[in-house]
Amino acid sequence: MLTLHQLYIINAGSGFRALWRVLKAFMEARTLKKIQVLGTNYLSTVLEAVEPSNLPEFLGGTCSCSATGGCLLQDKGPWTDAGIIRASKVRLLIR
């Protein structure tokens, strides 16, 4: 089982915020601490955890991934790192 490190839900509208209030009741406190629901003033919070060069321009970062057709088509992230994949598999076997 993989674990969640941090999740940012950004530009969350009022409809989602109402739904979130209901969903939170069914989630563990440990998981809730890792999830932040942010409105339109999200950038400073996200930049505390994500380098601007790794954040797409449309979210306020500097990444455009122009060589690969845009950030949404790019598979950027630690999930492609062989060491992290290997460590995740080892953790799964230990559990």
PDB file of N, CA and C in Angstrom:
ATOM      1  N   MET A   1       0.845  -1.178   0.000  1.00  0.00           N
ATOM      2  CA  MET A   1       0.000   0.000   0.000  1.00  0.00           C
ATOM      3  C   MET A   1       0.889   1.239   0.000  1.00  0.00           C
ATOM      4  N   LEU A   2       0.603   2.156  -0.892  1.00  0.00           N
ATOM      5  CA  LEU A   2       1.327   3.419  -0.919  1.00  0.00           C
ATOM      6  C   LEU A   2       0.629   4.400   0.005  1.00  0.00           C
ATOM      7  N   THR A   3       1.402   5.304   0.558  1.00  0.00           N
ATOM      8  CA  THR A   3       0.820   6.271   1.479  1.00  0.00           C
ATOM      9  C   THR A   3       0.838   7.666   0.873  1.00  0.00           C
ATOM     10  N   LEU A   4      -0.079   8.470   1.311  1.00  0.00           N
ATOM     11  CA  LEU A   4      -0.195   9.845   0.850  1.00  0.00           C
ATOM     12  C   LEU A   4       0.742  10.724   1.654  1.00  0.00           C
ATOM     13  N   HIS A   5       1.546  11.517   0.956  1.00  0.00           N
ATOM     14  CA  HIS A   5       2.420  12.463   1.651  1.00  0.00           C
ATOM     15  C   HIS A   5       1.679  13.778   1.859  1.00  0.00           C
ATOM     16  N   GLN A   6       1.199  14.371   0.785  1.00  0.00           N
ATOM     17  CA  GLN A   6       0.497  15.649   0.861  1.00  0.00           C
ATOM     18  C   GLN A   6      -0.387  15.785  -0.367  1.00  0.00           C
ATOM     19  N   LEU A   7      -1.574  16.329  -0.203  1.00  0.00           N
ATOM     20  CA  LEU A   7      -2.489  16.557  -1.311  1.00  0.00           C
ATOM     21  C   LEU A   7      -3.036  17.975  -1.197  1.00  0.00           C
ATOM     22  N   TYR A   8      -2.906  18.724  -2.284  1.00  0.00           N
ATOM     23  CA  TYR A   8      -3.465  20.071  -2.347  1.00  0.00           C
ATOM     24  C   TYR A   8      -4.611  20.055  -3.350  1.00  0.00           C
ATOM     25  N   ILE A   9      -5.777  20.477  -2.923  1.00  0.00           N
ATOM     26  CA  ILE A   9      -6.912  20.653  -3.815  1.00  0.00           C
ATOM     27  C   ILE A   9      -7.041  22.154  -3.987  1.00  0.00           C
ATOM     28  N   ILE A  10      -6.761  22.628  -5.196  1.00  0.00           N
ATOM     29  CA  ILE A  10      -6.698  24.078  -5.396  1.00  0.00           C
ATOM     30  C   ILE A  10      -7.872  24.584  -6.229  1.00  0.00           C
ATOM     31  N   ASN A  11      -8.153  25.861  -6.054  1.00  0.00           N
ATOM     32  CA  ASN A  11      -9.278  26.532  -6.702  1.00  0.00           C
ATOM     33  C   ASN A  11     -10.595  25.835  -6.375  1.00  0.00           C
ATOM     34  N   ALA A  12     -10.698  25.324  -5.177  1.00  0.00           N
ATOM     35  CA  ALA A  12     -11.909  24.610  -4.770  1.00  0.00           C
ATOM     36  C   ALA A  12     -13.064  25.600  -4.638  1.00  0.00           C
ATOM     37  N   GLY A  13     -14.125  25.325  -5.352  1.00  0.00           N
ATOM     38  CA  GLY A  13     -15.295  26.188  -5.306  1.00  0.00           C
ATOM     39  C   GLY A  13     -16.189  25.868  -4.117  1.00  0.00           C
ATOM     40  N   SER A  14     -17.250  26.630  -3.972  1.00  0.00           N
ATOM     41  CA  SER A  14     -18.141  26.461  -2.821  1.00  0.00           C
ATOM     42  C   SER A  14     -18.852  25.109  -2.841  1.00  0.00           C
ATOM     43  N   GLY A  15     -19.169  24.589  -4.022  1.00  0.00           N
ATOM     44  CA  GLY A  15     -19.814  23.279  -4.117  1.00  0.00           C
ATOM     45  C   GLY A  15     -18.918  22.174  -3.585  1.00  0.00           C
ATOM     46  N   PHE A  16     -17.637  22.225  -3.961  1.00  0.00           N
ATOM     47  CA  PHE A  16     -16.706  21.216  -3.465  1.00  0.00           C
ATOM     48  C   PHE A  16     -16.511  21.366  -1.966  1.00  0.00           C
ATOM     49  N   ARG A  17     -16.407  22.602  -1.505  1.00  0.00           N
ATOM     50  CA  ARG A  17     -16.205  22.820  -0.067  1.00  0.00           C
ATOM     51  C   ARG A  17     -17.369  22.249   0.746  1.00  0.00           C
ATOM     52  N   ALA A  18     -18.578  22.358   0.245  1.00  0.00           N
ATOM     53  CA  ALA A  18     -19.740  21.786   0.939  1.00  0.00           C
ATOM     54  C   ALA A  18     -19.648  20.256   0.947  1.00  0.00           C
ATOM     55  N   LEU A  19     -19.284  19.680  -0.176  1.00  0.00           N
ATOM     56  CA  LEU A  19     -19.114  18.231  -0.264  1.00  0.00           C
ATOM     57  C   LEU A  19     -17.973  17.763   0.636  1.00  0.00           C
ATOM     58  N   TRP A  20     -16.910  18.543   0.697  1.00  0.00           N
ATOM     59  CA  TRP A  20     -15.747  18.198   1.516  1.00  0.00           C
ATOM     60  C   TRP A  20     -16.120  18.098   2.994  1.00  0.00           C
ATOM     61  N   ARG A  21     -16.979  18.986   3.457  1.00  0.00           N
ATOM     62  CA  ARG A  21     -17.413  18.939   4.859  1.00  0.00           C
ATOM     63  C   ARG A  21     -18.054  17.590   5.190  1.00  0.00           C
ATOM     64  N   VAL A  22     -18.786  17.038   4.250  1.00  0.00           N
ATOM     65  CA  VAL A  22     -19.422  15.734   4.454  1.00  0.00           C
ATOM     66  C   VAL A  22     -18.383  14.618   4.367  1.00  0.00           C
ATOM     67  N   LEU A  23     -17.523  14.666   3.359  1.00  0.00           N
ATOM     68  CA  LEU A  23     -16.526  13.614   3.152  1.00  0.00           C
ATOM     69  C   LEU A  23     -15.543  13.493   4.309  1.00  0.00           C
ATOM     70  N   LYS A  24     -15.194  14.618   4.922  1.00  0.00           N
ATOM     71  CA  LYS A  24     -14.219  14.600   6.021  1.00  0.00           C
ATOM     72  C   LYS A  24     -14.653  13.699   7.167  1.00  0.00           C
ATOM     73  N   ALA A  25     -15.941  13.583   7.374  1.00  0.00           N
ATOM     74  CA  ALA A  25     -16.450  12.771   8.479  1.00  0.00           C
ATOM     75  C   ALA A  25     -16.113  11.292   8.317  1.00  0.00           C
ATOM     76  N   PHE A  26     -15.825  10.868   7.092  1.00  0.00           N
ATOM     77  CA  PHE A  26     -15.540   9.460   6.817  1.00  0.00           C
ATOM     78  C   PHE A  26     -14.049   9.163   6.680  1.00  0.00           C
ATOM     79  N   MET A  27     -13.211  10.151   6.922  1.00  0.00           N
ATOM     80  CA  MET A  27     -11.771   9.973   6.734  1.00  0.00           C
ATOM     81  C   MET A  27     -11.037   9.961   8.067  1.00  0.00           C
ATOM     82  N   GLU A  28      -9.923   9.251   8.097  1.00  0.00           N
ATOM     83  CA  GLU A  28      -9.100   9.194   9.300  1.00  0.00           C
ATOM     84  C   GLU A  28      -8.411  10.532   9.527  1.00  0.00           C
ATOM     85  N   ALA A  29      -8.212  10.886  10.782  1.00  0.00           N
ATOM     86  CA  ALA A  29      -7.559  12.149  11.134  1.00  0.00           C
ATOM     87  C   ALA A  29      -6.156  12.222  10.537  1.00  0.00           C
ATOM     88  N   ARG A  30      -5.452  11.101  10.523  1.00  0.00           N
ATOM     89  CA  ARG A  30      -4.096  11.057   9.972  1.00  0.00           C
ATOM     90  C   ARG A  30      -4.089  11.434   8.489  1.00  0.00           C
ATOM     91  N   THR A  31      -5.088  10.996   7.758  1.00  0.00           N
ATOM     92  CA  THR A  31      -5.201  11.325   6.338  1.00  0.00           C
ATOM     93  C   THR A  31      -5.613  12.778   6.156  1.00  0.00           C
ATOM     94  N   LEU A  32      -6.548  13.242   6.964  1.00  0.00           N
ATOM     95  CA  LEU A  32      -7.026  14.621   6.847  1.00  0.00           C
ATOM     96  C   LEU A  32      -5.913  15.643   7.046  1.00  0.00           C
ATOM     97  N   LYS A  33      -4.934  15.324   7.907  1.00  0.00           N
ATOM     98  CA  LYS A  33      -3.820  16.241   8.141  1.00  0.00           C
ATOM     99  C   LYS A  33      -2.981  16.446   6.886  1.00  0.00           C
ATOM    100  N   LYS A  34      -3.058  15.504   5.955  1.00  0.00           N
ATOM    101  CA  LYS A  34      -2.249  15.549   4.740  1.00  0.00           C
ATOM    102  C   LYS A  34      -2.961  16.238   3.578  1.00  0.00           C
ATOM    103  N   ILE A  35      -4.228  16.566   3.753  1.00  0.00           N
ATOM    104  CA  ILE A  35      -5.023  17.150   2.676  1.00  0.00           C
ATOM    105  C   ILE A  35      -5.337  18.603   3.001  1.00  0.00           C
ATOM    106  N   GLN A  36      -5.041  19.479   2.051  1.00  0.00           N
ATOM    107  CA  GLN A  36      -5.377  20.893   2.214  1.00  0.00           C
ATOM    108  C   GLN A  36      -6.273  21.316   1.060  1.00  0.00           C
ATOM    109  N   VAL A  37      -7.431  21.838   1.381  1.00  0.00           N
ATOM    110  CA  VAL A  37      -8.351  22.357   0.380  1.00  0.00           C
ATOM    111  C   VAL A  37      -8.148  23.863   0.340  1.00  0.00           C
ATOM    112  N   LEU A  38      -7.704  24.348  -0.807  1.00  0.00           N
ATOM    113  CA  LEU A  38      -7.339  25.753  -0.953  1.00  0.00           C
ATOM    114  C   LEU A  38      -8.224  26.431  -1.989  1.00  0.00           C
ATOM    115  N   GLY A  39      -8.535  27.670  -1.755  1.00  0.00           N
ATOM    116  CA  GLY A  39      -9.311  28.457  -2.708  1.00  0.00           C
ATOM    117  C   GLY A  39      -8.405  29.093  -3.748  1.00  0.00           C
ATOM    118  N   THR A  40      -8.698  30.318  -4.115  1.00  0.00           N
ATOM    119  CA  THR A  40      -7.929  30.983  -5.166  1.00  0.00           C
ATOM    120  C   THR A  40      -6.589  31.529  -4.683  1.00  0.00           C
ATOM    121  N   ASN A  41      -6.401  31.681  -3.392  1.00  0.00           N
ATOM    122  CA  ASN A  41      -5.128  32.178  -2.849  1.00  0.00           C
ATOM    123  C   ASN A  41      -4.243  31.012  -2.398  1.00  0.00           C
ATOM    124  N   TYR A  42      -4.025  30.069  -3.288  1.00  0.00           N
ATOM    125  CA  TYR A  42      -3.309  28.840  -2.965  1.00  0.00           C
ATOM    126  C   TYR A  42      -1.802  28.912  -3.165  1.00  0.00           C
ATOM    127  N   LEU A  43      -1.329  29.839  -3.982  1.00  0.00           N
ATOM    128  CA  LEU A  43       0.043  29.784  -4.481  1.00  0.00           C
ATOM    129  C   LEU A  43       1.105  29.766  -3.390  1.00  0.00           C
ATOM    130  N   SER A  44       1.020  30.622  -2.399  1.00  0.00           N
ATOM    131  CA  SER A  44       2.066  30.662  -1.371  1.00  0.00           C
ATOM    132  C   SER A  44       2.137  29.343  -0.603  1.00  0.00           C
ATOM    133  N   THR A  45       0.996  28.724  -0.345  1.00  0.00           N
ATOM    134  CA  THR A  45       0.977  27.441   0.365  1.00  0.00           C
ATOM    135  C   THR A  45       1.601  26.342  -0.486  1.00  0.00           C
ATOM    136  N   VAL A  46       1.245  26.280  -1.753  1.00  0.00           N
ATOM    137  CA  VAL A  46       1.777  25.243  -2.644  1.00  0.00           C
ATOM    138  C   VAL A  46       3.278  25.430  -2.851  1.00  0.00           C
ATOM    139  N   LEU A  47       3.730  26.673  -2.971  1.00  0.00           N
ATOM    140  CA  LEU A  47       5.156  26.922  -3.209  1.00  0.00           C
ATOM    141  C   LEU A  47       6.024  26.593  -2.000  1.00  0.00           C
ATOM    142  N   GLU A  48       5.425  26.392  -0.841  1.00  0.00           N
ATOM    143  CA  GLU A  48       6.195  25.926   0.318  1.00  0.00           C
ATOM    144  C   GLU A  48       6.645  24.479   0.123  1.00  0.00           C
ATOM    145  N   ALA A  49       5.918  23.724  -0.702  1.00  0.00           N
ATOM    146  CA  ALA A  49       6.223  22.307  -0.903  1.00  0.00           C
ATOM    147  C   ALA A  49       6.715  21.977  -2.309  1.00  0.00           C
ATOM    148  N   VAL A  50       6.398  22.826  -3.284  1.00  0.00           N
ATOM    149  CA  VAL A  50       6.724  22.534  -4.681  1.00  0.00           C
ATOM    150  C   VAL A  50       7.569  23.667  -5.252  1.00  0.00           C
ATOM    151  N   GLU A  51       8.679  23.296  -5.879  1.00  0.00           N
ATOM    152  CA  GLU A  51       9.521  24.298  -6.544  1.00  0.00           C
ATOM    153  C   GLU A  51       8.744  24.900  -7.716  1.00  0.00           C
ATOM    154  N   PRO A  52       8.867  26.216  -7.946  1.00  0.00           N
ATOM    155  CA  PRO A  52       8.165  26.840  -9.069  1.00  0.00           C
ATOM    156  C   PRO A  52       8.481  26.170 -10.408  1.00  0.00           C
ATOM    157  N   SER A  53       9.695  25.644 -10.556  1.00  0.00           N
ATOM    158  CA  SER A  53      10.071  24.989 -11.816  1.00  0.00           C
ATOM    159  C   SER A  53       9.348  23.657 -12.016  1.00  0.00           C
ATOM    160  N   ASN A  54       8.750  23.118 -10.973  1.00  0.00           N
ATOM    161  CA  ASN A  54       7.987  21.871 -11.076  1.00  0.00           C
ATOM    162  C   ASN A  54       6.484  22.101 -11.101  1.00  0.00           C
ATOM    163  N   LEU A  55       6.074  23.349 -11.008  1.00  0.00           N
ATOM    164  CA  LEU A  55       4.652  23.688 -10.995  1.00  0.00           C
ATOM    165  C   LEU A  55       4.286  24.293 -12.350  1.00  0.00           C
ATOM    166  N   PRO A  56       3.248  23.776 -13.017  1.00  0.00           N
ATOM    167  CA  PRO A  56       2.865  24.309 -14.326  1.00  0.00           C
ATOM    168  C   PRO A  56       2.555  25.807 -14.277  1.00  0.00           C
ATOM    169  N   GLU A  57       2.829  26.472 -15.397  1.00  0.00           N
ATOM    170  CA  GLU A  57       2.566  27.917 -15.490  1.00  0.00           C
ATOM    171  C   GLU A  57       1.120  28.252 -15.163  1.00  0.00           C
ATOM    172  N   PHE A  58       0.173  27.416 -15.630  1.00  0.00           N
ATOM    173  CA  PHE A  58      -1.241  27.736 -15.413  1.00  0.00           C
ATOM    174  C   PHE A  58      -1.653  27.637 -13.946  1.00  0.00           C
ATOM    175  N   LEU A  59      -0.753  27.093 -13.100  1.00  0.00           N
ATOM    176  CA  LEU A  59      -1.013  27.053 -11.659  1.00  0.00           C
ATOM    177  C   LEU A  59      -0.149  28.053 -10.903  1.00  0.00           C
ATOM    178  N   GLY A  60       0.627  28.864 -11.646  1.00  0.00           N
ATOM    179  CA  GLY A  60       1.446  29.890 -11.017  1.00  0.00           C
ATOM    180  C   GLY A  60       2.925  29.585 -10.964  1.00  0.00           C
ATOM    181  N   GLY A  61       3.342  28.447 -11.512  1.00  0.00           N
ATOM    182  CA  GLY A  61       4.752  28.083 -11.535  1.00  0.00           C
ATOM    183  C   GLY A  61       5.430  28.551 -12.804  1.00  0.00           C
ATOM    184  N   THR A  62       6.605  28.012 -13.054  1.00  0.00           N
ATOM    185  CA  THR A  62       7.373  28.411 -14.238  1.00  0.00           C
ATOM    186  C   THR A  62       7.537  27.278 -15.248  1.00  0.00           C
ATOM    187  N   CYS A  63       6.991  26.105 -14.979  1.00  0.00           N
ATOM    188  CA  CYS A  63       7.148  24.955 -15.870  1.00  0.00           C
ATOM    189  C   CYS A  63       6.168  25.042 -17.033  1.00  0.00           C
ATOM    190  N   SER A  64       6.694  24.866 -18.253  1.00  0.00           N
ATOM    191  CA  SER A  64       5.811  24.838 -19.416  1.00  0.00           C
ATOM    192  C   SER A  64       5.892  23.510 -20.159  1.00  0.00           C
ATOM    193  N   CYS A  65       6.967  22.744 -19.928  1.00  0.00           N
ATOM    194  CA  CYS A  65       7.164  21.450 -20.605  1.00  0.00           C
ATOM    195  C   CYS A  65       6.917  21.580 -22.100  1.00  0.00           C
ATOM    196  N   SER A  66       7.368  22.693 -22.682  1.00  0.00           N
ATOM    197  CA  SER A  66       7.099  22.973 -24.093  1.00  0.00           C
ATOM    198  C   SER A  66       7.664  21.902 -25.020  1.00  0.00           C
ATOM    199  N   ALA A  67       8.742  21.241 -24.623  1.00  0.00           N
ATOM    200  CA  ALA A  67       9.350  20.212 -25.472  1.00  0.00           C
ATOM    201  C   ALA A  67       8.479  18.961 -25.581  1.00  0.00           C
ATOM    202  N   THR A  68       7.578  18.761 -24.633  1.00  0.00           N
ATOM    203  CA  THR A  68       6.757  17.546 -24.633  1.00  0.00           C
ATOM    204  C   THR A  68       5.279  17.829 -24.855  1.00  0.00           C
ATOM    205  N   GLY A  69       4.931  19.031 -25.276  1.00  0.00           N
ATOM    206  CA  GLY A  69       3.541  19.339 -25.574  1.00  0.00           C
ATOM    207  C   GLY A  69       2.740  19.892 -24.420  1.00  0.00           C
ATOM    208  N   GLY A  70       3.407  20.289 -23.344  1.00  0.00           N
ATOM    209  CA  GLY A  70       2.717  20.878 -22.207  1.00  0.00           C
ATOM    210  C   GLY A  70       2.782  20.013 -20.968  1.00  0.00           C
ATOM    211  N   CYS A  71       2.607  20.649 -19.825  1.00  0.00           N
ATOM    212  CA  CYS A  71       2.741  19.962 -18.531  1.00  0.00           C
ATOM    213  C   CYS A  71       1.715  18.857 -18.325  1.00  0.00           C
ATOM    214  N   LEU A  72       0.526  19.009 -18.871  1.00  0.00           N
ATOM    215  CA  LEU A  72      -0.493  17.989 -18.651  1.00  0.00           C
ATOM    216  C   LEU A  72      -0.154  16.681 -19.355  1.00  0.00           C
ATOM    217  N   LEU A  73       0.708  16.735 -20.365  1.00  0.00           N
ATOM    218  CA  LEU A  73       1.117  15.524 -21.072  1.00  0.00           C
ATOM    219  C   LEU A  73       2.412  14.947 -20.515  1.00  0.00           C
ATOM    220  N   GLN A  74       3.058  15.657 -19.621  1.00  0.00           N
ATOM    221  CA  GLN A  74       4.348  15.256 -19.059  1.00  0.00           C
ATOM    222  C   GLN A  74       4.148  14.314 -17.876  1.00  0.00           C
ATOM    223  N   ASP A  75       5.000  13.313 -17.769  1.00  0.00           N
ATOM    224  CA  ASP A  75       4.937  12.383 -16.640  1.00  0.00           C
ATOM    225  C   ASP A  75       6.042  12.726 -15.653  1.00  0.00           C
ATOM    226  N   LYS A  76       6.012  13.953 -15.177  1.00  0.00           N
ATOM    227  CA  LYS A  76       7.031  14.453 -14.270  1.00  0.00           C
ATOM    228  C   LYS A  76       6.667  14.074 -12.844  1.00  0.00           C
ATOM    229  N   GLY A  77       7.619  13.653 -12.091  1.00  0.00           N
ATOM    230  CA  GLY A  77       7.352  13.349 -10.696  1.00  0.00           C
ATOM    231  C   GLY A  77       8.207  12.210 -10.193  1.00  0.00           C
ATOM    232  N   PRO A  78       8.188  11.990  -8.894  1.00  0.00           N
ATOM    233  CA  PRO A  78       9.043  10.970  -8.297  1.00  0.00           C
ATOM    234  C   PRO A  78       8.624   9.548  -8.643  1.00  0.00           C
ATOM    235  N   TRP A  79       7.415   9.360  -9.140  1.00  0.00           N
ATOM    236  CA  TRP A  79       6.925   8.012  -9.439  1.00  0.00           C
ATOM    237  C   TRP A  79       7.683   7.363 -10.588  1.00  0.00           C
ATOM    238  N   THR A  80       8.500   8.141 -11.330  1.00  0.00           N
ATOM    239  CA  THR A  80       9.300   7.558 -12.404  1.00  0.00           C
ATOM    240  C   THR A  80      10.729   7.264 -11.956  1.00  0.00           C
ATOM    241  N   ASP A  81      11.080   7.622 -10.737  1.00  0.00           N
ATOM    242  CA  ASP A  81      12.422   7.388 -10.205  1.00  0.00           C
ATOM    243  C   ASP A  81      12.561   5.923  -9.780  1.00  0.00           C
ATOM    244  N   ALA A  82      13.529   5.223 -10.360  1.00  0.00           N
ATOM    245  CA  ALA A  82      13.703   3.789 -10.092  1.00  0.00           C
ATOM    246  C   ALA A  82      13.946   3.504  -8.611  1.00  0.00           C
ATOM    247  N   GLY A  83      14.707   4.352  -7.936  1.00  0.00           N
ATOM    248  CA  GLY A  83      14.981   4.157  -6.513  1.00  0.00           C
ATOM    249  C   GLY A  83      13.726   4.240  -5.666  1.00  0.00           C
ATOM    250  N   ILE A  84      12.855   5.177  -5.990  1.00  0.00           N
ATOM    251  CA  ILE A  84      11.607   5.334  -5.241  1.00  0.00           C
ATOM    252  C   ILE A  84      10.674   4.155  -5.518  1.00  0.00           C
ATOM    253  N   ILE A  85      10.622   3.726  -6.763  1.00  0.00           N
ATOM    254  CA  ILE A  85       9.782   2.574  -7.107  1.00  0.00           C
ATOM    255  C   ILE A  85      10.262   1.336  -6.354  1.00  0.00           C
ATOM    256  N   ARG A  86      11.570   1.123  -6.335  1.00  0.00           N
ATOM    257  CA  ARG A  86      12.147  -0.027  -5.639  1.00  0.00           C
ATOM    258  C   ARG A  86      11.843   0.045  -4.137  1.00  0.00           C
ATOM    259  N   ALA A  87      12.015   1.226  -3.536  1.00  0.00           N
ATOM    260  CA  ALA A  87      11.746   1.400  -2.101  1.00  0.00           C
ATOM    261  C   ALA A  87      10.274   1.148  -1.788  1.00  0.00           C
ATOM    262  N   SER A  88       9.381   1.582  -2.669  1.00  0.00           N
ATOM    263  CA  SER A  88       7.950   1.362  -2.460  1.00  0.00           C
ATOM    264  C   SER A  88       7.625  -0.122  -2.473  1.00  0.00           C
ATOM    265  N   LYS A  89       8.243  -0.851  -3.389  1.00  0.00           N
ATOM    266  CA  LYS A  89       7.990  -2.292  -3.468  1.00  0.00           C
ATOM    267  C   LYS A  89       8.508  -2.996  -2.225  1.00  0.00           C
ATOM    268  N   VAL A  90       9.653  -2.576  -1.723  1.00  0.00           N
ATOM    269  CA  VAL A  90      10.212  -3.170  -0.508  1.00  0.00           C
ATOM    270  C   VAL A  90       9.285  -2.909   0.669  1.00  0.00           C
ATOM    271  N   ARG A  91       8.777  -1.681   0.785  1.00  0.00           N
ATOM    272  CA  ARG A  91       7.855  -1.338   1.867  1.00  0.00           C
ATOM    273  C   ARG A  91       6.593  -2.192   1.809  1.00  0.00           C
ATOM    274  N   LEU A  92       6.115  -2.436   0.596  1.00  0.00           N
ATOM    275  CA  LEU A  92       4.916  -3.256   0.446  1.00  0.00           C
ATOM    276  C   LEU A  92       5.170  -4.686   0.908  1.00  0.00           C
ATOM    277  N   LEU A  93       6.340  -5.209   0.603  1.00  0.00           N
ATOM    278  CA  LEU A  93       6.669  -6.573   1.001  1.00  0.00           C
ATOM    279  C   LEU A  93       6.824  -6.695   2.512  1.00  0.00           C
ATOM    280  N   ILE A  94       7.333  -5.662   3.150  1.00  0.00           N
ATOM    281  CA  ILE A  94       7.540  -5.678   4.600  1.00  0.00           C
ATOM    282  C   ILE A  94       6.209  -5.667   5.334  1.00  0.00           C
ATOM    283  N   ARG A  95       5.266  -4.942   4.832  1.00  0.00           N
ATOM    284  CA  ARG A  95       3.961  -4.845   5.492  1.00  0.00           C
ATOM    285  C   ARG A  95       3.289  -6.161   5.373  1.00  0.00           C
TER     286      ARG A  95
END
